[in-house]
Amino acid sequence: MPAKTGASHALSAFVSLIVGTVLSKYVWTYTPPLAEAGAVAGRHLSGLIGTPIAPETTGGLVVVLLLSFVWGVIYHLARHDAEN
């Protein structure tokens, strides 16, 4: 069982990183207000963790965190629905 769970988490991290980077570039190019909102959220996140992060990186980080959260929720729902 741990191998199955670990593989899912590894895959989610990899997919989130790749898709987050692509989406971040898309958002910065085509929807600057949304990109700026992500950068503002990233600056707040940067302040919380105490590490300075470049504005372009903070937007991508917010997208990756959001994707990881959504992936986790879907995984949890799918796993617990399968048990019922």
C-alpha atoms as a PDB file:
ATOM      1  CA  MET A   1       0.000   0.000   0.000  1.00  0.00           C
ATOM      2  CA  PRO A   2       2.719   2.614   0.747  1.00  0.00           C
ATOM      3  CA  ALA A   3       4.178   2.187  -2.750  1.00  0.00           C
ATOM      4  CA  LYS A   4       0.805   2.967  -4.291  1.00  0.00           C
ATOM      5  CA  THR A   5       0.297   6.075  -2.119  1.00  0.00           C
ATOM      6  CA  GLY A   6       3.883   7.246  -2.603  1.00  0.00           C
ATOM      7  CA  ALA A   7       3.643   6.937  -6.364  1.00  0.00           C
ATOM      8  CA  SER A   8       0.489   9.034  -6.383  1.00  0.00           C
ATOM      9  CA  HIS A   9       2.139  11.766  -4.328  1.00  0.00           C
ATOM     10  CA  ALA A  10       5.268  11.716  -6.482  1.00  0.00           C
ATOM     11  CA  LEU A  11       3.172  11.931  -9.648  1.00  0.00           C
ATOM     12  CA  SER A  12       1.091  14.777  -8.229  1.00  0.00           C
ATOM     13  CA  ALA A  13       4.230  16.733  -7.304  1.00  0.00           C
ATOM     14  CA  PHE A  14       5.720  16.251 -10.770  1.00  0.00           C
ATOM     15  CA  VAL A  15       2.496  17.091 -12.629  1.00  0.00           C
ATOM     16  CA  SER A  16       1.873  20.123 -10.408  1.00  0.00           C
ATOM     17  CA  LEU A  17       5.378  21.411 -11.076  1.00  0.00           C
ATOM     18  CA  ILE A  18       5.131  21.030 -14.855  1.00  0.00           C
ATOM     19  CA  VAL A  19       1.536  22.220 -15.229  1.00  0.00           C
ATOM     20  CA  GLY A  20       2.103  25.024 -12.702  1.00  0.00           C
ATOM     21  CA  THR A  21       5.058  26.334 -14.688  1.00  0.00           C
ATOM     22  CA  VAL A  22       3.139  26.219 -17.967  1.00  0.00           C
ATOM     23  CA  LEU A  23       0.035  27.817 -16.450  1.00  0.00           C
ATOM     24  CA  SER A  24       2.107  30.486 -14.739  1.00  0.00           C
ATOM     25  CA  LYS A  25       3.690  31.522 -18.053  1.00  0.00           C
ATOM     26  CA  TYR A  26       0.243  31.512 -19.699  1.00  0.00           C
ATOM     27  CA  VAL A  27      -1.290  33.573 -16.883  1.00  0.00           C
ATOM     28  CA  TRP A  28       1.556  36.128 -16.938  1.00  0.00           C
ATOM     29  CA  THR A  29       1.210  36.487 -20.720  1.00  0.00           C
ATOM     30  CA  TYR A  30      -2.562  36.590 -21.197  1.00  0.00           C
ATOM     31  CA  THR A  31      -4.102  37.670 -17.886  1.00  0.00           C
ATOM     32  CA  PRO A  32      -1.795  40.147 -16.135  1.00  0.00           C
ATOM     33  CA  PRO A  33      -4.370  41.094 -13.435  1.00  0.00           C
ATOM     34  CA  LEU A  34      -4.674  37.449 -12.398  1.00  0.00           C
ATOM     35  CA  ALA A  35      -0.887  37.142 -12.484  1.00  0.00           C
ATOM     36  CA  GLU A  36      -0.569  40.169 -10.226  1.00  0.00           C
ATOM     37  CA  ALA A  37      -3.111  38.668  -7.813  1.00  0.00           C
ATOM     38  CA  GLY A  38      -0.977  35.523  -7.698  1.00  0.00           C
ATOM     39  CA  ALA A  39       2.129  37.625  -7.108  1.00  0.00           C
ATOM     40  CA  VAL A  40       0.413  39.455  -4.229  1.00  0.00           C
ATOM     41  CA  ALA A  41      -0.601  36.127  -2.678  1.00  0.00           C
ATOM     42  CA  GLY A  42       2.944  34.911  -3.233  1.00  0.00           C
ATOM     43  CA  ARG A  43       4.401  37.966  -1.501  1.00  0.00           C
ATOM     44  CA  HIS A  44       2.184  37.278   1.509  1.00  0.00           C
ATOM     45  CA  LEU A  45       3.268  33.645   1.438  1.00  0.00           C
ATOM     46  CA  SER A  46       6.897  34.753   1.133  1.00  0.00           C
ATOM     47  CA  GLY A  47       6.440  36.968   4.181  1.00  0.00           C
ATOM     48  CA  LEU A  48       4.964  34.077   6.146  1.00  0.00           C
ATOM     49  CA  ILE A  49       7.837  31.725   5.417  1.00  0.00           C
ATOM     50  CA  GLY A  50      10.440  34.485   5.687  1.00  0.00           C
ATOM     51  CA  THR A  51      12.216  33.819   2.381  1.00  0.00           C
ATOM     52  CA  PRO A  52      12.414  36.402  -0.414  1.00  0.00           C
ATOM     53  CA  ILE A  53      11.053  35.040  -3.697  1.00  0.00           C
ATOM     54  CA  ALA A  54      11.055  36.693  -7.159  1.00  0.00           C
ATOM     55  CA  PRO A  55       7.633  37.954  -8.339  1.00  0.00           C
ATOM     56  CA  GLU A  56       7.596  35.583 -11.328  1.00  0.00           C
ATOM     57  CA  THR A  57       8.316  32.662  -9.026  1.00  0.00           C
ATOM     58  CA  THR A  58       5.621  33.585  -6.519  1.00  0.00           C
ATOM     59  CA  GLY A  59       2.902  33.437  -9.172  1.00  0.00           C
ATOM     60  CA  GLY A  60       4.054  29.978 -10.233  1.00  0.00           C
ATOM     61  CA  LEU A  61       4.282  28.896  -6.617  1.00  0.00           C
ATOM     62  CA  VAL A  62       0.686  29.942  -5.973  1.00  0.00           C
ATOM     63  CA  VAL A  63      -0.469  27.986  -9.045  1.00  0.00           C
ATOM     64  CA  VAL A  64       1.512  24.889  -7.982  1.00  0.00           C
ATOM     65  CA  LEU A  65       0.109  25.064  -4.441  1.00  0.00           C
ATOM     66  CA  LEU A  66      -3.426  25.419  -5.767  1.00  0.00           C
ATOM     67  CA  LEU A  67      -2.975  22.475  -8.146  1.00  0.00           C
ATOM     68  CA  SER A  68      -1.494  20.338  -5.370  1.00  0.00           C
ATOM     69  CA  PHE A  69      -4.435  21.148  -3.110  1.00  0.00           C
ATOM     70  CA  VAL A  70      -6.997  20.307  -5.815  1.00  0.00           C
ATOM     71  CA  TRP A  71      -5.133  17.079  -6.635  1.00  0.00           C
ATOM     72  CA  GLY A  72      -5.182  16.102  -2.945  1.00  0.00           C
ATOM     73  CA  VAL A  73      -8.908  16.763  -2.607  1.00  0.00           C
ATOM     74  CA  ILE A  74      -9.720  14.751  -5.747  1.00  0.00           C
ATOM     75  CA  TYR A  75      -7.438  11.921  -4.616  1.00  0.00           C
ATOM     76  CA  HIS A  76      -9.052  11.872  -1.174  1.00  0.00           C
ATOM     77  CA  LEU A  77     -12.580  11.845  -2.587  1.00  0.00           C
ATOM     78  CA  ALA A  78     -11.756   9.152  -5.132  1.00  0.00           C
ATOM     79  CA  ARG A  79     -10.043   6.975  -2.545  1.00  0.00           C
ATOM     80  CA  HIS A  80     -12.804   7.240   0.047  1.00  0.00           C
ATOM     81  CA  ASP A  81     -15.580   6.822  -2.521  1.00  0.00           C
ATOM     82  CA  ALA A  82     -13.869   3.613  -3.698  1.00  0.00           C
ATOM     83  CA  GLU A  83     -13.973   2.228  -0.143  1.00  0.00           C
ATOM     84  CA  ASN A  84     -17.755   2.696   0.116  1.00  0.00           C
END
